[in-house]
Amino acid sequence: MSDAVRKFSSTGRILGRFQLLGSRHRLRTDQTGLRRPRGQLFRKYVSLFMGLISLVMLISGALDFWFSYRENRAALVLIQQDKADAAAQRITEFFKQIEGQIGWTTDAQWATGSLELRSRDYARLQRQVPAITELTQLDSSGKEQLRISRFATEVVGSGADYSREPIFTEALADGVWFSPVQFCKNSEPCMKIAMALSGREAGATIAEVNLKPIWDMITALKIGQDGYAYIIDRRGRLIAHPDTSLVPRDTDLSAAPQVMAARAKPVDIKAPDRQSAAP
């Protein structure tokens, strides 16, 4: 009897231990099951957070790149504008110097001097100002009295009538007159400048000016790696370009957007002062 009781109690203790172990195992399983969804949710939040940070950094980098591009482009435009203004100022100085050199031949006393003296002074003026290729003196009636050229023999008293030409009438009315740009010898651009003589019996001095020095100036002007400058006249025709083959073709750029924009903008370049200076 006692042996049976002891076996029963031992069996009960063993079963109790198994139940306890089973309950602990279930508890661990339940806790692991609870932890697993929480770990997955945490990883999702971390991934979402990192994705948002990456997106913000990407947007910030794109904005920095855009603003940097805008600033660099604005700086490049300012550099181009400064170089264009500097070139325009140098061209203005070029014509200012030529006008000053021509000016001394418009004195009333000089115009009444001997033909030999005037011829010698014209030749000396050409030597000192290589851009001047031809000089012509007109009397008060617009008749040609003297013409000195680098490419032709001296002409005296031809009497060619300029009295109704703008080169004479507008020079007398305004004091100075500039012709449109033309293509003279060797297909190089040139223009004529006429200045009225002083005194009651006013005539005019006409100078033909070679504009190749302006070509050289524009060719030497560099803007960045591939940038370049060119010049157009008042009608929008190309008169100076680094590719000189384009110039004699009478290329019309008046409808180009950059030309229209430049014409719409007021130019702040002072007109050259008229000066007289003997060579």
C-alpha atoms as a PDB file:
ATOM      1  CA  MET A   1       0.000   0.000   0.000  1.00  0.00           C
ATOM      2  CA  SER A   2       2.671   2.478   0.911  1.00  0.00           C
ATOM      3  CA  ASP A   3       4.674   1.558  -2.152  1.00  0.00           C
ATOM      4  CA  ALA A   4       1.695   2.348  -4.385  1.00  0.00           C
ATOM      5  CA  VAL A   5       1.201   5.696  -2.699  1.00  0.00           C
ATOM      6  CA  ARG A   6       4.838   6.614  -3.135  1.00  0.00           C
ATOM      7  CA  LYS A   7       4.703   5.733  -6.852  1.00  0.00           C
ATOM      8  CA  PHE A   8       1.585   7.798  -7.327  1.00  0.00           C
ATOM      9  CA  SER A   9       3.059  10.836  -5.643  1.00  0.00           C
ATOM     10  CA  SER A  10       6.257  10.501  -7.680  1.00  0.00           C
ATOM     11  CA  THR A  11       4.249  10.277 -10.863  1.00  0.00           C
ATOM     12  CA  GLY A  12       2.285  13.340  -9.828  1.00  0.00           C
ATOM     13  CA  ARG A  13       5.456  15.308  -9.194  1.00  0.00           C
ATOM     14  CA  ILE A  14       6.835  14.300 -12.612  1.00  0.00           C
ATOM     15  CA  LEU A  15       3.604  15.302 -14.339  1.00  0.00           C
ATOM     16  CA  GLY A  16       3.568  18.553 -12.440  1.00  0.00           C
ATOM     17  CA  ARG A  17       7.094  19.298 -13.595  1.00  0.00           C
ATOM     18  CA  PHE A  18       6.138  18.567 -17.193  1.00  0.00           C
ATOM     19  CA  GLN A  19       3.143  20.877 -16.889  1.00  0.00           C
ATOM     20  CA  LEU A  20       5.313  23.580 -15.391  1.00  0.00           C
ATOM     21  CA  LEU A  21       7.877  23.188 -18.146  1.00  0.00           C
ATOM     22  CA  GLY A  22       5.113  23.217 -20.737  1.00  0.00           C
ATOM     23  CA  SER A  23       3.618  26.382 -19.298  1.00  0.00           C
ATOM     24  CA  ARG A  24       7.039  28.070 -19.260  1.00  0.00           C
ATOM     25  CA  HIS A  25       7.629  27.009 -22.848  1.00  0.00           C
ATOM     26  CA  ARG A  26       4.284  28.456 -23.898  1.00  0.00           C
ATOM     27  CA  LEU A  27       5.060  31.659 -22.054  1.00  0.00           C
ATOM     28  CA  ARG A  28       8.387  32.026 -23.868  1.00  0.00           C
ATOM     29  CA  THR A  29       6.702  31.222 -27.168  1.00  0.00           C
ATOM     30  CA  ASP A  30       4.047  33.856 -26.517  1.00  0.00           C
ATOM     31  CA  GLN A  31       6.657  36.441 -25.538  1.00  0.00           C
ATOM     32  CA  THR A  32       8.714  35.661 -28.640  1.00  0.00           C
ATOM     33  CA  GLY A  33       5.599  35.983 -30.745  1.00  0.00           C
ATOM     34  CA  LEU A  34       4.909  39.341 -29.177  1.00  0.00           C
ATOM     35  CA  ARG A  35       8.485  40.550 -29.691  1.00  0.00           C
ATOM     36  CA  ARG A  36       8.639  39.545 -33.346  1.00  0.00           C
ATOM     37  CA  PRO A  37       5.937  41.982 -34.614  1.00  0.00           C
ATOM     38  CA  ARG A  38       7.368  44.786 -32.528  1.00  0.00           C
ATOM     39  CA  GLY A  39      10.860  44.243 -34.039  1.00  0.00           C
ATOM     40  CA  GLN A  40       9.477  44.277 -37.576  1.00  0.00           C
ATOM     41  CA  LEU A  41       7.570  47.525 -36.900  1.00  0.00           C
ATOM     42  CA  PHE A  42      10.707  49.139 -35.481  1.00  0.00           C
ATOM     43  CA  ARG A  43      12.682  48.219 -38.573  1.00  0.00           C
ATOM     44  CA  LYS A  44       9.929  49.678 -40.765  1.00  0.00           C
ATOM     45  CA  TYR A  45      10.048  52.982 -38.880  1.00  0.00           C
ATOM     46  CA  VAL A  46      13.823  53.091 -39.132  1.00  0.00           C
ATOM     47  CA  SER A  47      13.674  52.429 -42.880  1.00  0.00           C
ATOM     48  CA  LEU A  48      11.024  55.112 -43.353  1.00  0.00           C
ATOM     49  CA  PHE A  49      13.018  57.599 -41.290  1.00  0.00           C
ATOM     50  CA  MET A  50      16.205  56.916 -43.264  1.00  0.00           C
ATOM     51  CA  GLY A  51      14.282  57.236 -46.506  1.00  0.00           C
ATOM     52  CA  LEU A  52      12.934  60.637 -45.453  1.00  0.00           C
ATOM     53  CA  ILE A  53      16.419  61.799 -44.476  1.00  0.00           C
ATOM     54  CA  SER A  54      17.793  60.653 -47.844  1.00  0.00           C
ATOM     55  CA  LEU A  55      14.984  62.442 -49.691  1.00  0.00           C
ATOM     56  CA  VAL A  56      15.577  65.671 -47.778  1.00  0.00           C
ATOM     57  CA  MET A  57      19.316  65.488 -48.461  1.00  0.00           C
ATOM     58  CA  LEU A  58      18.663  64.805 -52.138  1.00  0.00           C
ATOM     59  CA  ILE A  59      16.314  67.792 -52.418  1.00  0.00           C
ATOM     60  CA  SER A  60      18.775  69.985 -50.532  1.00  0.00           C
ATOM     61  CA  GLY A  61      21.611  68.942 -52.851  1.00  0.00           C
ATOM     62  CA  ALA A  62      19.484  69.612 -55.929  1.00  0.00           C
ATOM     63  CA  LEU A  63      18.573  73.083 -54.637  1.00  0.00           C
ATOM     64  CA  ASP A  64      22.218  73.854 -53.864  1.00  0.00           C
ATOM     65  CA  PHE A  65      23.184  72.772 -57.374  1.00  0.00           C
ATOM     66  CA  TRP A  66      20.434  74.919 -58.930  1.00  0.00           C
ATOM     67  CA  PHE A  67      21.345  78.035 -56.954  1.00  0.00           C
ATOM     68  CA  SER A  68      25.025  77.487 -57.668  1.00  0.00           C
ATOM     69  CA  TYR A  69      24.223  77.150 -61.385  1.00  0.00           C
ATOM     70  CA  ARG A  70      22.185  80.362 -61.274  1.00  0.00           C
ATOM     71  CA  GLU A  71      24.960  82.239 -59.484  1.00  0.00           C
ATOM     72  CA  ASN A  72      27.633  80.978 -61.882  1.00  0.00           C
ATOM     73  CA  ARG A  73      25.497  81.890 -64.864  1.00  0.00           C
ATOM     74  CA  ALA A  74      24.834  85.368 -63.469  1.00  0.00           C
ATOM     75  CA  ALA A  75      28.566  85.817 -62.817  1.00  0.00           C
ATOM     76  CA  LEU A  76      29.362  84.717 -66.381  1.00  0.00           C
ATOM     77  CA  VAL A  77      26.821  87.209 -67.761  1.00  0.00           C
ATOM     78  CA  LEU A  78      28.436  89.992 -65.729  1.00  0.00           C
ATOM     79  CA  ILE A  79      31.876  89.031 -67.032  1.00  0.00           C
ATOM     80  CA  GLN A  80      30.582  89.047 -70.604  1.00  0.00           C
ATOM     81  CA  GLN A  81      28.911  92.409 -70.042  1.00  0.00           C
ATOM     82  CA  ASP A  82      32.093  93.894 -68.564  1.00  0.00           C
ATOM     83  CA  LYS A  83      34.187  92.665 -71.486  1.00  0.00           C
ATOM     84  CA  ALA A  84      31.635  93.947 -74.003  1.00  0.00           C
ATOM     85  CA  ASP A  85      31.579  97.356 -72.288  1.00  0.00           C
ATOM     86  CA  ALA A  86      35.375  97.452 -72.235  1.00  0.00           C
ATOM     87  CA  ALA A  87      35.527  96.621 -75.953  1.00  0.00           C
ATOM     88  CA  ALA A  88      32.909  99.286 -76.729  1.00  0.00           C
ATOM     89  CA  GLN A  89      34.936 101.821 -74.753  1.00  0.00           C
ATOM     90  CA  ARG A  90      38.106 100.926 -76.640  1.00  0.00           C
ATOM     91  CA  ILE A  91      36.287 101.335 -79.960  1.00  0.00           C
ATOM     92  CA  THR A  92      34.981 104.712 -78.801  1.00  0.00           C
ATOM     93  CA  GLU A  93      38.532 105.742 -77.917  1.00  0.00           C
ATOM     94  CA  PHE A  94      39.723 104.566 -81.342  1.00  0.00           C
ATOM     95  CA  PHE A  95      37.300 106.911 -83.121  1.00  0.00           C
ATOM     96  CA  LYS A  96      37.914 109.675 -80.600  1.00  0.00           C
ATOM     97  CA  GLN A  97      41.630 109.665 -81.389  1.00  0.00           C
ATOM     98  CA  ILE A  98      41.042 109.659 -85.143  1.00  0.00           C
ATOM     99  CA  GLU A  99      38.503 112.466 -84.872  1.00  0.00           C
ATOM    100  CA  GLY A 100      40.984 114.461 -82.796  1.00  0.00           C
ATOM    101  CA  GLN A 101      43.725 113.945 -85.386  1.00  0.00           C
ATOM    102  CA  ILE A 102      41.457 115.003 -88.255  1.00  0.00           C
ATOM    103  CA  GLY A 103      40.256 117.994 -86.263  1.00  0.00           C
ATOM    104  CA  TRP A 104      43.416 120.035 -86.649  1.00  0.00           C
ATOM    105  CA  THR A 105      42.967 120.034 -90.467  1.00  0.00           C
ATOM    106  CA  THR A 106      39.612 121.813 -90.071  1.00  0.00           C
ATOM    107  CA  ASP A 107      41.152 125.058 -88.839  1.00  0.00           C
ATOM    108  CA  ALA A 108      40.255 128.058 -91.017  1.00  0.00           C
ATOM    109  CA  GLN A 109      43.879 129.188 -91.386  1.00  0.00           C
ATOM    110  CA  TRP A 110      45.001 125.708 -92.407  1.00  0.00           C
ATOM    111  CA  ALA A 111      42.322 125.560 -95.136  1.00  0.00           C
ATOM    112  CA  THR A 112      43.597 128.803 -96.662  1.00  0.00           C
ATOM    113  CA  GLY A 113      47.224 127.671 -96.681  1.00  0.00           C
ATOM    114  CA  SER A 114      49.118 126.699 -99.797  1.00  0.00           C
ATOM    115  CA  LEU A 115      48.245 123.531-101.674  1.00  0.00           C
ATOM    116  CA  GLU A 116      51.741 122.172-101.110  1.00  0.00           C
ATOM    117  CA  LEU A 117      51.433 122.688 -97.344  1.00  0.00           C
ATOM    118  CA  ARG A 118      48.023 120.985 -97.183  1.00  0.00           C
ATOM    119  CA  SER A 119      49.257 118.056 -99.260  1.00  0.00           C
ATOM    120  CA  ARG A 120      52.291 117.616 -97.014  1.00  0.00           C
ATOM    121  CA  ASP A 121      50.133 117.771 -93.860  1.00  0.00           C
ATOM    122  CA  TYR A 122      47.711 115.197 -95.237  1.00  0.00           C
ATOM    123  CA  ALA A 123      50.591 112.814 -96.010  1.00  0.00           C
ATOM    124  CA  ARG A 124      52.036 113.329 -92.534  1.00  0.00           C
ATOM    125  CA  LEU A 125      48.632 112.645 -90.949  1.00  0.00           C
ATOM    126  CA  GLN A 126      48.420 109.341 -92.847  1.00  0.00           C
ATOM    127  CA  ARG A 127      51.837 108.321 -91.600  1.00  0.00           C
ATOM    128  CA  GLN A 128      50.952 109.074 -88.000  1.00  0.00           C
ATOM    129  CA  VAL A 129      47.514 107.443 -88.132  1.00  0.00           C
ATOM    130  CA  PRO A 130      47.864 104.237 -90.229  1.00  0.00           C
ATOM    131  CA  ALA A 131      44.108 103.600 -90.074  1.00  0.00           C
ATOM    132  CA  ILE A 132      43.481 106.676 -92.254  1.00  0.00           C
ATOM    133  CA  THR A 133      43.809 105.478 -95.843  1.00  0.00           C
ATOM    134  CA  GLU A 134      42.503 108.541 -97.694  1.00  0.00           C
ATOM    135  CA  LEU A 135      41.988 112.263 -97.034  1.00  0.00           C
ATOM    136  CA  THR A 136      39.907 114.647 -99.132  1.00  0.00           C
ATOM    137  CA  GLN A 137      39.420 118.394 -98.829  1.00  0.00           C
ATOM    138  CA  LEU A 138      36.168 120.006-100.005  1.00  0.00           C
ATOM    139  CA  ASP A 139      35.726 123.755-100.407  1.00  0.00           C
ATOM    140  CA  SER A 140      32.725 125.753 -99.193  1.00  0.00           C
ATOM    141  CA  SER A 141      30.713 124.802-102.302  1.00  0.00           C
ATOM    142  CA  GLY A 142      31.307 121.096-101.820  1.00  0.00           C
ATOM    143  CA  LYS A 143      33.854 120.774-104.638  1.00  0.00           C
ATOM    144  CA  GLU A 144      36.866 118.522-104.217  1.00  0.00           C
ATOM    145  CA  GLN A 145      40.138 120.439-104.030  1.00  0.00           C
ATOM    146  CA  LEU A 146      42.624 117.804-102.843  1.00  0.00           C
ATOM    147  CA  ARG A 147      42.689 114.011-102.340  1.00  0.00           C
ATOM    148  CA  ILE A 148      45.585 112.021-100.891  1.00  0.00           C
ATOM    149  CA  SER A 149      45.367 108.206-100.869  1.00  0.00           C
ATOM    150  CA  ARG A 150      47.619 105.326 -99.861  1.00  0.00           C
ATOM    151  CA  PHE A 151      46.480 103.353-102.901  1.00  0.00           C
ATOM    152  CA  ALA A 152      46.303 105.999-105.646  1.00  0.00           C
ATOM    153  CA  THR A 153      48.123 109.028-106.899  1.00  0.00           C
ATOM    154  CA  GLU A 154      47.429 112.467-105.483  1.00  0.00           C
ATOM    155  CA  VAL A 155      44.484 114.302-107.068  1.00  0.00           C
ATOM    156  CA  VAL A 156      44.441 118.100-107.128  1.00  0.00           C
ATOM    157  CA  GLY A 157      41.516 120.348-108.115  1.00  0.00           C
ATOM    158  CA  SER A 158      39.296 117.623-109.578  1.00  0.00           C
ATOM    159  CA  GLY A 159      36.180 119.652-108.789  1.00  0.00           C
ATOM    160  CA  ALA A 160      34.120 116.515-107.964  1.00  0.00           C
ATOM    161  CA  ASP A 161      30.805 117.768-106.620  1.00  0.00           C
ATOM    162  CA  TYR A 162      29.724 116.623-103.143  1.00  0.00           C
ATOM    163  CA  SER A 163      27.417 119.577-102.482  1.00  0.00           C
ATOM    164  CA  ARG A 164      24.263 117.454-102.317  1.00  0.00           C
ATOM    165  CA  GLU A 165      25.796 114.431-100.640  1.00  0.00           C
ATOM    166  CA  PRO A 166      25.107 113.726 -96.943  1.00  0.00           C
ATOM    167  CA  ILE A 167      28.850 113.500 -96.421  1.00  0.00           C
ATOM    168  CA  PHE A 168      28.984 117.254 -97.066  1.00  0.00           C
ATOM    169  CA  THR A 169      25.549 118.616 -96.080  1.00  0.00           C
ATOM    170  CA  GLU A 170      25.296 116.755 -92.785  1.00  0.00           C
ATOM    171  CA  ALA A 171      28.912 117.481 -91.882  1.00  0.00           C
ATOM    172  CA  LEU A 172      28.184 121.189 -92.265  1.00  0.00           C
ATOM    173  CA  ALA A 173      24.939 120.894 -90.291  1.00  0.00           C
ATOM    174  CA  ASP A 174      26.238 118.759 -87.412  1.00  0.00           C
ATOM    175  CA  GLY A 175      29.969 119.428 -87.467  1.00  0.00           C
ATOM    176  CA  VAL A 176      30.844 115.762 -87.996  1.00  0.00           C
ATOM    177  CA  TRP A 177      29.348 112.903 -89.987  1.00  0.00           C
ATOM    178  CA  PHE A 178      29.989 109.142 -89.945  1.00  0.00           C
ATOM    179  CA  SER A 179      29.168 106.999 -92.951  1.00  0.00           C
ATOM    180  CA  PRO A 180      27.773 103.471 -92.729  1.00  0.00           C
ATOM    181  CA  VAL A 181      30.427 100.772 -92.650  1.00  0.00           C
ATOM    182  CA  GLN A 182      31.511  99.645 -96.107  1.00  0.00           C
ATOM    183  CA  PHE A 183      34.012  97.146 -97.471  1.00  0.00           C
ATOM    184  CA  CYS A 184      36.915  98.835 -99.182  1.00  0.00           C
ATOM    185  CA  LYS A 185      40.176  97.563-100.556  1.00  0.00           C
ATOM    186  CA  ASN A 186      41.039  93.930 -99.767  1.00  0.00           C
ATOM    187  CA  SER A 187      37.454  93.385 -98.508  1.00  0.00           C
ATOM    188  CA  GLU A 188      38.256  95.053 -95.200  1.00  0.00           C
ATOM    189  CA  PRO A 189      35.661  97.160 -93.385  1.00  0.00           C
ATOM    190  CA  CYS A 190      36.039 100.899 -93.586  1.00  0.00           C
ATOM    191  CA  MET A 191      34.009 104.044 -93.077  1.00  0.00           C
ATOM    192  CA  LYS A 192      34.260 107.730 -93.859  1.00  0.00           C
ATOM    193  CA  ILE A 193      34.333 110.532 -91.334  1.00  0.00           C
ATOM    194  CA  ALA A 194      33.605 114.062 -92.536  1.00  0.00           C
ATOM    195  CA  MET A 195      34.313 117.120 -90.393  1.00  0.00           C
ATOM    196  CA  ALA A 196      33.287 120.667 -91.230  1.00  0.00           C
ATOM    197  CA  LEU A 197      35.981 123.310 -91.533  1.00  0.00           C
ATOM    198  CA  SER A 198      35.722 126.292 -89.229  1.00  0.00           C
ATOM    199  CA  GLY A 199      35.269 129.837 -90.504  1.00  0.00           C
ATOM    200  CA  ARG A 200      32.818 131.632 -92.723  1.00  0.00           C
ATOM    201  CA  GLU A 201      33.832 129.885 -95.916  1.00  0.00           C
ATOM    202  CA  ALA A 202      33.453 126.418 -94.359  1.00  0.00           C
ATOM    203  CA  GLY A 203      34.291 123.353 -96.351  1.00  0.00           C
ATOM    204  CA  ALA A 204      34.973 119.861 -95.039  1.00  0.00           C
ATOM    205  CA  THR A 205      37.691 117.282 -94.562  1.00  0.00           C
ATOM    206  CA  ILE A 206      36.791 113.684 -95.372  1.00  0.00           C
ATOM    207  CA  ALA A 207      38.831 110.804 -93.993  1.00  0.00           C
ATOM    208  CA  GLU A 208      38.469 107.189 -95.078  1.00  0.00           C
ATOM    209  CA  VAL A 209      39.263 104.987 -92.061  1.00  0.00           C
ATOM    210  CA  ASN A 210      40.248 101.322 -92.192  1.00  0.00           C
ATOM    211  CA  LEU A 211      38.493  99.400 -89.410  1.00  0.00           C
ATOM    212  CA  LYS A 212      40.802  96.377 -89.409  1.00  0.00           C
ATOM    213  CA  PRO A 213      42.259  97.418 -86.021  1.00  0.00           C
ATOM    214  CA  ILE A 214      38.768  96.826 -84.627  1.00  0.00           C
ATOM    215  CA  TRP A 215      38.788  93.376 -86.255  1.00  0.00           C
ATOM    216  CA  ASP A 216      42.032  92.605 -84.436  1.00  0.00           C
ATOM    217  CA  MET A 217      40.577  93.907 -81.186  1.00  0.00           C
ATOM    218  CA  ILE A 218      37.505  91.667 -81.435  1.00  0.00           C
ATOM    219  CA  THR A 219      39.549  88.612 -82.474  1.00  0.00           C
ATOM    220  CA  ALA A 220      41.789  89.013 -79.427  1.00  0.00           C
ATOM    221  CA  LEU A 221      38.825  89.283 -77.062  1.00  0.00           C
ATOM    222  CA  LYS A 222      38.280  85.944 -75.297  1.00  0.00           C
ATOM    223  CA  ILE A 223      35.269  85.115 -73.122  1.00  0.00           C
ATOM    224  CA  GLY A 224      35.653  81.805 -71.337  1.00  0.00           C
ATOM    225  CA  GLN A 225      36.566  78.719 -73.339  1.00  0.00           C
ATOM    226  CA  ASP A 226      34.228  79.041 -76.305  1.00  0.00           C
ATOM    227  CA  GLY A 227      32.867  82.584 -75.975  1.00  0.00           C
ATOM    228  CA  TYR A 228      33.544  85.303 -78.541  1.00  0.00           C
ATOM    229  CA  ALA A 229      32.449  88.833 -79.398  1.00  0.00           C
ATOM    230  CA  TYR A 230      31.318  90.449 -82.636  1.00  0.00           C
ATOM    231  CA  ILE A 231      30.200  93.891 -83.826  1.00  0.00           C
ATOM    232  CA  ILE A 232      27.216  94.935 -85.903  1.00  0.00           C
ATOM    233  CA  ASP A 233      26.418  98.295 -87.451  1.00  0.00           C
ATOM    234  CA  ARG A 234      23.257 100.340 -86.928  1.00  0.00           C
ATOM    235  CA  ARG A 235      21.378  98.194 -89.479  1.00  0.00           C
ATOM    236  CA  GLY A 236      22.355  94.938 -87.788  1.00  0.00           C
ATOM    237  CA  ARG A 237      24.945  93.910 -90.377  1.00  0.00           C
ATOM    238  CA  LEU A 238      27.993  92.018 -89.157  1.00  0.00           C
ATOM    239  CA  ILE A 239      31.156  94.133 -89.455  1.00  0.00           C
ATOM    240  CA  ALA A 240      33.601  92.390 -87.102  1.00  0.00           C
ATOM    241  CA  HIS A 241      33.798  88.740 -86.060  1.00  0.00           C
ATOM    242  CA  PRO A 242      36.585  86.314 -85.066  1.00  0.00           C
ATOM    243  CA  ASP A 243      35.659  84.324 -88.177  1.00  0.00           C
ATOM    244  CA  THR A 244      36.507  87.010 -90.727  1.00  0.00           C
ATOM    245  CA  SER A 245      35.012  84.968 -93.587  1.00  0.00           C
ATOM    246  CA  LEU A 246      31.528  85.781 -92.248  1.00  0.00           C
ATOM    247  CA  VAL A 247      31.973  89.532 -92.487  1.00  0.00           C
ATOM    248  CA  PRO A 248      32.150  90.134 -96.282  1.00  0.00           C
ATOM    249  CA  ARG A 249      28.936  88.103 -96.750  1.00  0.00           C
ATOM    250  CA  ASP A 250      26.862  91.044 -95.531  1.00  0.00           C
ATOM    251  CA  THR A 251      25.443  88.849 -92.749  1.00  0.00           C
ATOM    252  CA  ASP A 252      22.283  90.349 -91.250  1.00  0.00           C
ATOM    253  CA  LEU A 253      21.888  89.724 -87.503  1.00  0.00           C
ATOM    254  CA  SER A 254      19.192  92.306 -86.831  1.00  0.00           C
ATOM    255  CA  ALA A 255      16.616  89.596 -86.008  1.00  0.00           C
ATOM    256  CA  ALA A 256      18.890  87.659 -83.633  1.00  0.00           C
ATOM    257  CA  PRO A 257      17.449  87.621 -80.067  1.00  0.00           C
ATOM    258  CA  GLN A 258      20.692  88.825 -78.477  1.00  0.00           C
ATOM    259  CA  VAL A 259      20.933  91.705 -80.947  1.00  0.00           C
ATOM    260  CA  MET A 260      17.341  92.766 -80.342  1.00  0.00           C
ATOM    261  CA  ALA A 261      17.905  92.604 -76.578  1.00  0.00           C
ATOM    262  CA  ALA A 262      21.099  94.666 -76.843  1.00  0.00           C
ATOM    263  CA  ARG A 263      19.361  97.302 -78.952  1.00  0.00           C
ATOM    264  CA  ALA A 264      16.498  97.541 -76.462  1.00  0.00           C
ATOM    265  CA  LYS A 265      18.960  98.254 -73.650  1.00  0.00           C
ATOM    266  CA  PRO A 266      20.126 101.903 -73.389  1.00  0.00           C
ATOM    267  CA  VAL A 267      23.836 102.307 -74.026  1.00  0.00           C
ATOM    268  CA  ASP A 268      25.759 104.282 -71.418  1.00  0.00           C
ATOM    269  CA  ILE A 269      28.833 105.176 -73.417  1.00  0.00           C
ATOM    270  CA  LYS A 270      29.760 108.835 -73.685  1.00  0.00           C
ATOM    271  CA  ALA A 271      30.163 110.214 -77.172  1.00  0.00           C
ATOM    272  CA  PRO A 272      33.734 111.186 -77.953  1.00  0.00           C
ATOM    273  CA  ASP A 273      34.627 114.810 -77.316  1.00  0.00           C
ATOM    274  CA  ARG A 274      35.767 116.703 -80.344  1.00  0.00           C
ATOM    275  CA  GLN A 275      39.381 117.702 -79.884  1.00  0.00           C
ATOM    276  CA  SER A 276      41.993 119.266 -82.082  1.00  0.00           C
ATOM    277  CA  ALA A 277      45.574 118.128 -81.820  1.00  0.00           C
ATOM    278  CA  ALA A 278      48.284 118.734 -84.376  1.00  0.00           C
ATOM    279  CA  PRO A 279      50.344 115.632 -85.132  1.00  0.00           C
END
